[in-house]
Amino acid sequence: MDALLRWFIPWELSPTALFLLVAAAVVYVRGCRRRQTSVSRQVRFWLGWVLMWQAFQTRWDYYAEHQFFVHITQQLSLHDFAPLLIMWSYPLTTLRAGIPLNWRLRWLKPLNRSAMVRGFKVVLFNPLFAAFLFGGMALLWLIPSFHPFVMLNAPTYRLMNWSMALDGLLFWWLVLDTRPNPPAHLSPGKRVFLPLLAMLPTMVWGAILALSMTDYYPIYEICGRALNLDPLTDQHLGGLILWIPGSFAMVLASMIALRNWMRLSEKGRLKTRHGQAAAPAATPAIPPAV
């Protein structure tokens, strides 16, 4: 029991992360009370929220600093699975309903219309840049010559965690948008293929780590491993996790985006080349029974 309780004590307490997680939870609960939100969406949001909290504010962080495959699992949670679950719950309307009206009118509406925010959206939601940033962000922190500095420098380590989480939320917001284009930033077809493009760098590097007989991350041996695993076994496990579960998150997102594309097509909300919405597919007539 004591070991279980110790797991929930933060290895390194982050007041900022704790405040943002608690604030998001409070606003979401308020929004659910004011606006009807399906049970399935609430379940996905809370699963993602719990996974984000676990990765940020539990003893998981200790094992992530002392075991390579646990580190990869933590980063996949922050970058892929937790943000994917949260954005798959389509929480923005619920969160908006949970924010007091005068706050929305005084702060959020002017901020959303500001030139700076519009400029950020143009850059961050460019499909090629979004795919490059998402795939490159995951690989940046795993560069063998750079990784020891990341793990030994506390500010850089925190920057890694924050950048992974924020990039994941932005990327999955872009991919899982259910609206036609415009007002969505990408067309439905691009939203299907973008995760498949973004997963290529991490899939390749994960395969290299899983199959290589070279220890690329001796920093974990120098600092001491939390579990009794030899270096290559630890690296092979991390490579397999990066390769297979990491690719699964991308494929799942593409399938969700494909389903959204099909729904838009069925409702006749897709734009044609002439800028008009396509007519919904006609339901075939059922011949009368003889």
Foldseek 3Di string as FASTA:
>chain_A
DVVVVQQQAFPDDDPVVVVVLVVQVQLLVLLVVVDPADPQLVVLQVVLSVLLCSLGGGCLVVQLLQFVLSVLVSLCSQQFRSLLSNVLSVRPNSSVSSDDPVCCVPPVVVVCVDPVNVVVCVQCLPLVNLLCCSLVLVVVCVQLVNVLVCSVPVVSVVVSSVSSNVSNNSSSNLLLDLAAPVVRSDHLVSSLCSLVSSLVNQQVVLVCQLPDPDQSHCSSVVVDHPDPDDRSVSSNSNSVCSNPVVSVSSNVSSVSSVVSNVVCQQCQRYQDPVGHGGDHDDDDDDDDDD
